[in-house]
Amino acid sequence: MGEKKKFIRGFATRSIHGSNIAKGEHAPVSTPIFQTSTFDVKRVLMGAQVRPEFIYTRGGNPTTREFEQKMADLENAEMGFAFASGMGAIAGTLLSLLEAGNEIITDNEVYGGTWSLLNHYIGRHGIKVHFIDMTDETQIEDTINEKTRLLYMESPMNPTLKLVDIKQIVRIAKEHNLITAIDNTFCSPYLQNPIDFGVDYVIHSCTKYIGGHGDALGGITVGSASDIIKIMPESMDLGATLSPFNAWLFLRGLKTLEIRMQRHCANALSLAKFLESQDKVERVLYPGLPSHPQHELAKKQMRDFGGIVSFYLKKGTNVTEFVKHLEIPAYTVSLGDADTFIEDPFNLSHFSVPRKVKKAVGITKYLLRVSVGLETIEDLIDDFENAFQHL
């Protein structure tokens, strides 16, 4: 007999076919939901030498474990730990790694929820946060001191779509023996794999592109097995762990992640080009446009340019009137759904950020962020064109 043929497992194949952790002897094609809070471990009393893998769902569940392992695989990591929300993943990861007296460095344009966490809560634990421009290597080097423990990134950032040079930040971190963590939600594992650049912890709000249908909250952090083990005990104690039902919904979402991301990206680029042609638009922010100041960096560290487009209407434009005449997009927060969403970050996703901070990073009342969905792009462009005609 000849050698067994070896198949190259592409992204779509890996996202559809899992590790079979939760399938058992009956081998169902769809991973079952182990909808239980606890597991009978009587075999320990009967002399079992191995500690049961699953005891209580807060500490592990077959359905959740299948999702964690699949996400780790898609991010080229070894292990993952799932949380009840994206903010749960960020908070659980940071609080597990940091202690009183530590300092962290992040960008002044991080997502509003993250900004609020870092400003209002992390400090209560004696942890100092430095907000800087992380595209400036000199600022990073000048801010690092003997108390610095962690560099925290987003790329692209929410909602300005500013990028950071991930390789550069990892290099700086390694020179100073610092931990690196990144929120990779905007890209999903399909568009960007920060582990390949040397990042220690990669975080996702699974509520967005991973689920893709706006019907489940969840988050995850992936990394090396040794790194994830460091955050698991305290994260379990915090209790913000993912339910098995939501893990099942995310496993379902992963099966179509590649084709959804391809459509998101194609639609976003088409809409961005259309918006750039409009007289009432001051500026379009999209990494896939040559006009984006970091277009070349985006081409280096992303496989495509994502499904988020932000743009500024010209000063004096009635933003409310424009949004009111859009029929397809919902006016709401969140992103990554099959449906198109539009929001003004000044009033919605970044409402908790002080006005002076928003002004400093370019979040004005004329900035709109579009999470471009999977609709027929001609319909979406026609809808936006109609809204412009009412201004």
Protein backbone atom coordinates (compact mmCIF):
# COMPACT_ATOMS: atom_id res chain seq x y z
CA MET A 1 0.00 0.00 0.00
CA GLY A 2 1.13 3.54 -0.76
CA GLU A 3 1.54 6.34 1.73
CA LYS A 4 -1.59 7.92 3.08
CA LYS A 5 -2.35 11.11 1.18
CA LYS A 6 -1.74 14.25 3.20
CA PHE A 7 -4.26 17.06 2.81
CA ILE A 8 -3.47 20.72 3.34
CA ARG A 9 -6.18 21.96 5.67
CA GLY A 10 -7.23 25.43 4.60
CA PHE A 11 -9.06 27.96 6.74
CA ALA A 12 -12.56 26.96 5.62
CA THR A 13 -11.84 23.27 6.18
CA ARG A 14 -10.53 23.92 9.69
CA SER A 15 -13.44 26.22 10.56
CA ILE A 16 -15.97 23.57 9.48
CA HIS A 17 -14.32 20.44 10.86
CA GLY A 18 -13.38 20.49 14.53
CA SER A 19 -11.47 18.32 16.96
CA ASN A 20 -14.44 16.09 17.85
CA ILE A 21 -13.99 16.80 21.57
CA ALA A 22 -17.74 16.92 22.14
CA LYS A 23 -18.97 14.33 19.61
CA GLY A 24 -18.45 11.08 21.49
CA GLU A 25 -19.14 7.57 20.20
CA HIS A 26 -22.22 8.52 18.18
CA ALA A 27 -20.22 10.95 15.99
CA PRO A 28 -22.93 13.48 15.08
CA VAL A 29 -21.94 15.85 12.27
CA SER A 30 -23.07 18.87 14.28
CA THR A 31 -21.43 19.30 17.69
CA PRO A 32 -24.02 18.60 20.42
CA ILE A 33 -24.92 21.08 23.13
CA PHE A 34 -23.98 19.74 26.54
CA GLN A 35 -26.64 21.83 28.27
CA THR A 36 -25.68 20.93 31.81
CA SER A 37 -24.28 22.87 34.72
CA THR A 38 -22.52 19.92 36.31
CA PHE A 39 -21.16 16.40 35.62
CA ASP A 40 -21.30 13.22 37.67
CA VAL A 41 -17.75 12.39 38.78
CA LYS A 42 -18.60 9.31 40.86
CA ARG A 43 -15.85 7.39 39.06
CA VAL A 44 -13.37 9.25 41.27
CA LEU A 45 -14.86 7.43 44.26
CA MET A 46 -14.54 4.17 42.33
CA GLY A 47 -10.78 4.56 42.15
CA ALA A 48 -10.24 6.47 38.91
CA GLN A 49 -6.64 7.66 38.74
CA VAL A 50 -7.27 10.60 36.38
CA ARG A 51 -9.07 13.76 37.45
CA PRO A 52 -12.26 14.19 35.39
CA GLU A 53 -11.90 16.71 32.58
CA PHE A 54 -15.35 18.17 33.16
CA ILE A 55 -16.85 18.74 36.60
CA TYR A 56 -18.72 22.04 36.53
CA THR A 57 -19.49 24.02 33.36
CA ARG A 58 -17.93 27.22 34.70
CA GLY A 59 -14.63 25.34 34.64
CA GLY A 60 -15.19 23.47 31.38
CA ASN A 61 -17.81 21.91 29.14
CA PRO A 62 -17.40 19.67 26.06
CA THR A 63 -19.26 22.07 23.74
CA THR A 64 -17.37 25.08 25.01
CA ARG A 65 -14.07 23.21 24.85
CA GLU A 66 -14.71 22.32 21.20
CA PHE A 67 -15.24 26.00 20.42
CA GLU A 68 -12.16 27.07 22.37
CA GLN A 69 -9.98 24.56 20.56
CA LYS A 70 -11.32 25.48 17.13
CA MET A 71 -10.75 29.19 17.72
CA ALA A 72 -7.22 28.50 18.92
CA ASP A 73 -6.57 26.46 15.79
CA LEU A 74 -7.90 29.20 13.50
CA GLU A 75 -5.67 31.76 15.21
CA ASN A 76 -2.62 29.46 14.99
CA ALA A 77 -2.57 29.31 18.78
CA GLU A 78 -2.42 26.30 21.11
CA MET A 79 -5.28 26.94 23.51
CA GLY A 80 -8.25 29.19 24.20
CA PHE A 81 -10.51 30.18 27.06
CA ALA A 82 -14.03 31.44 26.35
CA PHE A 83 -15.90 34.18 28.20
CA ALA A 84 -19.48 35.41 28.43
CA SER A 85 -18.72 38.54 26.38
CA GLY A 86 -15.90 40.34 24.63
CA MET A 87 -15.52 42.74 27.55
CA GLY A 88 -15.48 39.70 29.84
CA ALA A 89 -12.52 38.39 27.84
CA ILE A 90 -10.67 41.70 28.03
CA ALA A 91 -11.34 42.20 31.75
CA GLY A 92 -10.68 38.57 32.67
CA THR A 93 -7.42 38.49 30.75
CA LEU A 94 -6.05 41.78 32.08
CA LEU A 95 -7.08 41.20 35.68
CA SER A 96 -5.51 37.74 35.61
CA LEU A 97 -2.19 39.06 34.33
CA LEU A 98 -1.85 42.30 36.28
CA GLU A 99 -1.47 43.20 39.93
CA ALA A 100 -1.22 46.34 42.03
CA GLY A 101 1.81 48.42 41.05
CA ASN A 102 1.83 47.25 37.43
CA GLU A 103 1.43 49.65 34.52
CA ILE A 104 0.08 49.02 31.05
CA ILE A 105 0.31 50.98 27.81
CA THR A 106 -2.46 51.21 25.26
CA ASP A 107 -3.59 53.50 22.46
CA ASN A 108 -5.73 56.56 23.11
CA GLU A 109 -8.18 55.37 20.43
CA VAL A 110 -9.25 52.06 21.96
CA TYR A 111 -12.91 51.01 21.88
CA GLY A 112 -15.17 52.94 24.25
CA GLY A 113 -15.99 49.94 26.44
CA THR A 114 -12.29 49.15 26.83
CA TRP A 115 -11.52 52.81 27.54
CA SER A 116 -14.15 52.79 30.28
CA LEU A 117 -12.77 49.58 31.81
CA LEU A 118 -9.22 50.93 31.83
CA ASN A 119 -10.20 54.35 33.19
CA HIS A 120 -12.91 53.51 35.72
CA TYR A 121 -12.09 50.04 37.05
CA ILE A 122 -8.53 48.87 36.42
CA GLY A 123 -7.17 51.76 38.45
CA ARG A 124 -9.08 50.60 41.53
CA HIS A 125 -6.71 47.63 41.63
CA GLY A 126 -3.64 49.86 41.77
CA ILE A 127 -2.84 49.43 38.08
CA LYS A 128 -1.84 52.53 36.09
CA VAL A 129 -2.81 52.90 32.42
CA HIS A 130 -0.93 55.07 29.92
CA PHE A 131 -2.88 56.18 26.82
CA ILE A 132 -0.57 57.13 23.96
CA ASP A 133 -0.31 57.00 20.17
CA MET A 134 0.94 53.46 19.61
CA THR A 135 1.85 54.19 16.00
CA ASP A 136 4.73 56.26 17.42
CA GLU A 137 7.61 54.00 18.44
CA THR A 138 9.29 56.83 20.36
CA GLN A 139 6.18 57.37 22.51
CA ILE A 140 6.06 53.68 23.37
CA GLU A 141 9.75 53.58 24.33
CA ASP A 142 9.49 56.78 26.36
CA THR A 143 6.46 55.48 28.29
CA ILE A 144 7.93 52.10 29.25
CA ASN A 145 9.43 51.98 32.74
CA GLU A 146 10.33 49.36 35.34
CA LYS A 147 6.67 49.00 36.35
CA THR A 148 5.37 48.38 32.83
CA ARG A 149 3.91 44.91 32.46
CA LEU A 150 1.76 44.80 29.33
CA LEU A 151 1.21 46.46 25.93
CA TYR A 152 -2.45 46.33 24.82
CA MET A 153 -3.44 46.90 21.18
CA GLU A 154 -6.34 47.12 18.74
CA SER A 155 -5.78 46.98 15.00
CA PRO A 156 -7.78 48.26 13.21
CA MET A 157 -9.12 50.50 15.96
CA ASN A 158 -12.72 51.27 16.70
CA PRO A 159 -14.05 53.48 15.09
CA THR A 160 -11.20 55.35 13.38
CA LEU A 161 -9.70 52.25 11.73
CA LYS A 162 -6.20 53.34 12.67
CA LEU A 163 -3.71 50.47 12.53
CA VAL A 164 -0.69 49.69 14.64
CA ASP A 165 2.39 47.91 13.35
CA ILE A 166 1.98 44.65 15.24
CA LYS A 167 5.46 43.34 14.47
CA GLN A 168 7.04 46.57 15.68
CA ILE A 169 5.15 46.55 18.97
CA VAL A 170 5.97 42.88 19.58
CA ARG A 171 9.66 43.63 18.95
CA ILE A 172 9.60 46.46 21.50
CA ALA A 173 7.77 44.26 24.00
CA LYS A 174 10.26 41.43 23.69
CA GLU A 175 13.19 43.83 24.16
CA HIS A 176 11.66 44.91 27.48
CA ASN A 177 10.27 41.49 28.49
CA LEU A 178 6.65 42.69 28.34
CA ILE A 179 3.37 40.85 27.65
CA THR A 180 1.43 41.74 24.50
CA ALA A 181 -2.33 41.46 24.01
CA ILE A 182 -4.51 42.52 21.10
CA ASP A 183 -8.22 42.83 20.38
CA ASN A 184 -8.59 41.15 16.98
CA THR A 185 -12.40 41.47 16.76
CA PHE A 186 -12.51 43.69 13.67
CA CYS A 187 -10.48 41.19 11.65
CA SER A 188 -11.61 37.78 12.90
CA PRO A 189 -9.06 34.97 12.50
CA TYR A 190 -9.72 34.98 8.76
CA LEU A 191 -8.17 38.39 8.09
CA GLN A 192 -5.36 38.59 10.65
CA ASN A 193 -3.46 36.22 12.95
CA PRO A 194 -1.46 38.23 15.51
CA ILE A 195 -0.01 35.04 17.01
CA ASP A 196 2.05 34.77 13.81
CA PHE A 197 3.60 38.16 14.65
CA GLY A 198 4.50 37.02 18.16
CA VAL A 199 1.58 38.45 20.16
CA ASP A 200 0.98 36.57 23.43
CA TYR A 201 -2.79 36.96 23.87
CA VAL A 202 -5.37 37.43 21.10
CA ILE A 203 -8.85 38.50 22.20
CA HIS A 204 -12.17 38.45 20.32
CA SER A 205 -15.67 39.62 20.96
CA CYS A 206 -17.30 36.54 19.45
CA THR A 207 -20.58 38.45 19.45
CA LYS A 208 -19.38 40.06 16.22
CA TYR A 209 -17.99 38.20 13.19
CA ILE A 210 -17.49 34.83 14.89
CA GLY A 211 -21.21 34.43 15.58
CA GLY A 212 -22.21 36.59 12.65
CA HIS A 213 -25.96 36.58 13.28
CA GLY A 214 -26.44 38.92 16.23
CA ASP A 215 -27.96 36.25 18.45
CA ALA A 216 -25.27 35.45 21.03
CA LEU A 217 -22.86 37.22 23.38
CA GLY A 218 -19.41 35.80 23.96
CA GLY A 219 -15.68 36.38 23.99
CA ILE A 220 -12.46 34.41 23.86
CA THR A 221 -8.75 34.74 24.54
CA VAL A 222 -6.27 32.46 22.77
CA GLY A 223 -2.53 31.97 23.05
CA SER A 224 0.05 29.36 23.96
CA ALA A 225 -1.06 26.66 26.38
CA SER A 226 1.28 27.97 29.08
CA ASP A 227 -0.08 31.52 28.69
CA ILE A 228 -3.77 30.54 28.70
CA ILE A 229 -3.26 28.41 31.80
CA LYS A 230 -2.05 31.58 33.54
CA ILE A 231 -5.40 33.33 33.04
CA MET A 232 -7.78 30.40 33.55
CA PRO A 233 -7.98 30.11 37.37
CA GLU A 234 -8.78 33.77 38.04
CA SER A 235 -11.06 34.01 35.01
CA MET A 236 -13.06 31.04 36.33
CA ASP A 237 -13.21 32.71 39.74
CA LEU A 238 -14.56 35.89 38.13
CA GLY A 239 -17.33 33.73 36.67
CA ALA A 240 -17.65 35.41 33.26
CA THR A 241 -17.48 32.13 31.35
CA LEU A 242 -19.31 31.19 28.16
CA SER A 243 -22.52 29.14 28.19
CA PRO A 244 -22.55 25.88 26.20
CA PHE A 245 -25.53 27.07 24.14
CA ASN A 246 -23.70 30.19 23.00
CA ALA A 247 -20.59 28.10 22.32
CA TRP A 248 -22.74 25.99 20.00
CA LEU A 249 -24.02 29.10 18.23
CA PHE A 250 -20.43 30.25 17.68
CA LEU A 251 -19.43 26.84 16.34
CA ARG A 252 -22.28 27.17 13.87
CA GLY A 253 -21.10 30.65 12.92
CA LEU A 254 -17.54 29.49 12.30
CA LYS A 255 -18.70 27.12 9.56
CA THR A 256 -19.47 30.10 7.31
CA LEU A 257 -16.86 32.56 8.59
CA GLU A 258 -14.63 32.51 5.50
CA ILE A 259 -17.38 33.12 2.95
CA ARG A 260 -19.04 35.72 5.17
CA MET A 261 -15.80 37.65 5.64
CA GLN A 262 -15.16 37.61 1.91
CA ARG A 263 -18.58 39.17 1.29
CA HIS A 264 -18.20 41.66 4.15
CA CYS A 265 -14.88 42.84 2.72
CA ALA A 266 -16.11 43.06 -0.87
CA ASN A 267 -19.23 45.00 0.15
CA ALA A 268 -17.25 47.31 2.42
CA LEU A 269 -14.76 48.20 -0.31
CA SER A 270 -17.57 48.95 -2.77
CA LEU A 271 -19.40 51.13 -0.26
CA ALA A 272 -16.17 52.92 0.72
CA LYS A 273 -15.45 53.78 -2.92
CA PHE A 274 -19.01 55.04 -3.35
CA LEU A 275 -18.79 57.21 -0.22
CA GLU A 276 -15.49 58.69 -1.41
CA SER A 277 -17.29 59.96 -4.51
CA GLN A 278 -19.97 61.85 -2.58
CA ASP A 279 -19.83 65.65 -2.29
CA LYS A 280 -21.34 65.66 1.20
CA VAL A 281 -18.64 63.32 2.55
CA GLU A 282 -15.58 64.98 4.02
CA ARG A 283 -13.42 61.86 4.40
CA VAL A 284 -13.70 58.07 4.27
CA LEU A 285 -11.75 55.83 6.64
CA TYR A 286 -11.16 52.34 5.24
CA PRO A 287 -7.84 50.44 5.15
CA GLY A 288 -8.62 49.10 1.68
CA LEU A 289 -8.57 52.57 0.11
CA PRO A 290 -5.25 54.01 -1.12
CA SER A 291 -6.30 57.22 0.66
CA HIS A 292 -5.99 55.49 4.05
CA PRO A 293 -2.67 56.64 5.58
CA GLN A 294 -1.78 53.07 6.58
CA HIS A 295 -2.98 51.31 3.43
CA GLU A 296 0.44 49.74 2.84
CA LEU A 297 0.66 48.46 6.42
CA ALA A 298 -2.83 46.97 6.06
CA LYS A 299 -1.68 45.08 2.98
CA LYS A 300 1.24 43.64 4.95
CA GLN A 301 -0.55 42.40 8.07
CA MET A 302 -4.13 41.79 6.90
CA ARG A 303 -5.36 39.35 4.23
CA ASP A 304 -8.19 41.71 3.31
CA PHE A 305 -9.45 45.00 4.69
CA GLY A 306 -12.48 44.15 6.81
CA GLY A 307 -16.16 44.97 6.90
CA ILE A 308 -16.11 48.30 8.77
CA VAL A 309 -16.21 51.65 6.99
CA SER A 310 -16.19 54.97 8.86
CA PHE A 311 -16.73 58.36 7.27
CA TYR A 312 -17.17 62.02 8.13
CA LEU A 313 -20.06 63.99 6.75
CA LYS A 314 -19.14 67.59 6.00
CA LYS A 315 -19.54 70.02 8.88
CA GLY A 316 -23.02 71.49 9.04
CA THR A 317 -24.64 68.37 7.56
CA ASN A 318 -27.74 67.13 9.36
CA VAL A 319 -26.48 63.73 10.51
CA THR A 320 -29.81 62.74 12.03
CA GLU A 321 -31.64 63.50 8.79
CA PHE A 322 -29.18 61.37 6.83
CA VAL A 323 -29.50 58.35 9.13
CA LYS A 324 -33.30 58.65 9.28
CA HIS A 325 -33.55 58.21 5.50
CA LEU A 326 -31.50 54.99 5.44
CA GLU A 327 -33.85 52.03 5.16
CA ILE A 328 -31.49 49.02 5.18
CA PRO A 329 -29.05 49.72 8.04
CA ALA A 330 -30.21 49.52 11.63
CA TYR A 331 -29.09 52.46 13.76
CA THR A 332 -27.40 50.58 16.58
CA VAL A 333 -24.14 49.55 18.19
CA SER A 334 -22.37 46.21 17.58
CA LEU A 335 -21.04 44.98 14.28
CA GLY A 336 -20.19 41.89 12.27
CA ASP A 337 -23.76 40.80 11.59
CA ALA A 338 -25.26 39.73 8.27
CA ASP A 339 -27.31 42.94 8.61
CA THR A 340 -25.72 46.33 7.97
CA PHE A 341 -25.52 48.60 11.02
CA ILE A 342 -24.76 52.32 11.22
CA GLU A 343 -23.97 54.39 14.29
CA ASP A 344 -22.46 57.70 15.34
CA PRO A 345 -19.76 56.69 17.84
CA PHE A 346 -19.95 60.11 19.50
CA ASN A 347 -23.37 59.20 20.92
CA LEU A 348 -23.40 55.39 20.91
CA SER A 349 -20.33 53.13 21.10
CA HIS A 350 -18.12 55.82 22.66
CA PHE A 351 -20.73 57.65 24.73
CA SER A 352 -18.79 57.00 27.96
CA VAL A 353 -15.62 58.63 26.62
CA PRO A 354 -15.27 62.32 27.63
CA ARG A 355 -15.80 64.91 24.89
CA LYS A 356 -12.23 66.20 25.06
CA VAL A 357 -10.85 62.67 24.58
CA LYS A 358 -13.21 62.03 21.65
CA LYS A 359 -12.21 65.32 20.06
CA ALA A 360 -8.51 64.48 20.43
CA VAL A 361 -8.89 61.22 18.49
CA GLY A 362 -11.27 62.54 15.85
CA ILE A 363 -14.59 61.19 17.13
CA THR A 364 -16.87 64.07 16.21
CA LYS A 365 -20.65 64.26 15.78
CA TYR A 366 -20.09 64.07 12.01
CA LEU A 367 -18.36 60.66 12.17
CA LEU A 368 -20.43 57.63 11.20
CA ARG A 369 -19.36 53.99 11.46
CA VAL A 370 -20.89 51.40 9.16
CA SER A 371 -20.69 47.68 9.81
CA VAL A 372 -21.26 46.58 6.24
CA GLY A 373 -23.43 43.48 6.05
CA LEU A 374 -24.08 40.78 3.48
CA GLU A 375 -26.92 42.45 1.57
CA THR A 376 -26.83 42.89 -2.21
CA ILE A 377 -24.34 45.73 -2.55
CA GLU A 378 -26.33 47.53 -5.25
CA ASP A 379 -29.28 47.77 -2.85
CA LEU A 380 -27.07 49.11 -0.10
CA ILE A 381 -25.46 51.75 -2.31
CA ASP A 382 -28.87 52.81 -3.66
CA ASP A 383 -30.08 53.21 -0.09
CA PHE A 384 -27.13 55.44 0.84
CA GLU A 385 -27.54 57.44 -2.37
CA ASN A 386 -31.19 58.06 -1.55
CA ALA A 387 -30.26 59.25 1.95
CA PHE A 388 -27.71 61.70 0.49
CA GLN A 389 -30.39 63.13 -1.79
CA HIS A 390 -32.42 64.16 1.26
CA LEU A 391 -29.64 66.34 2.63
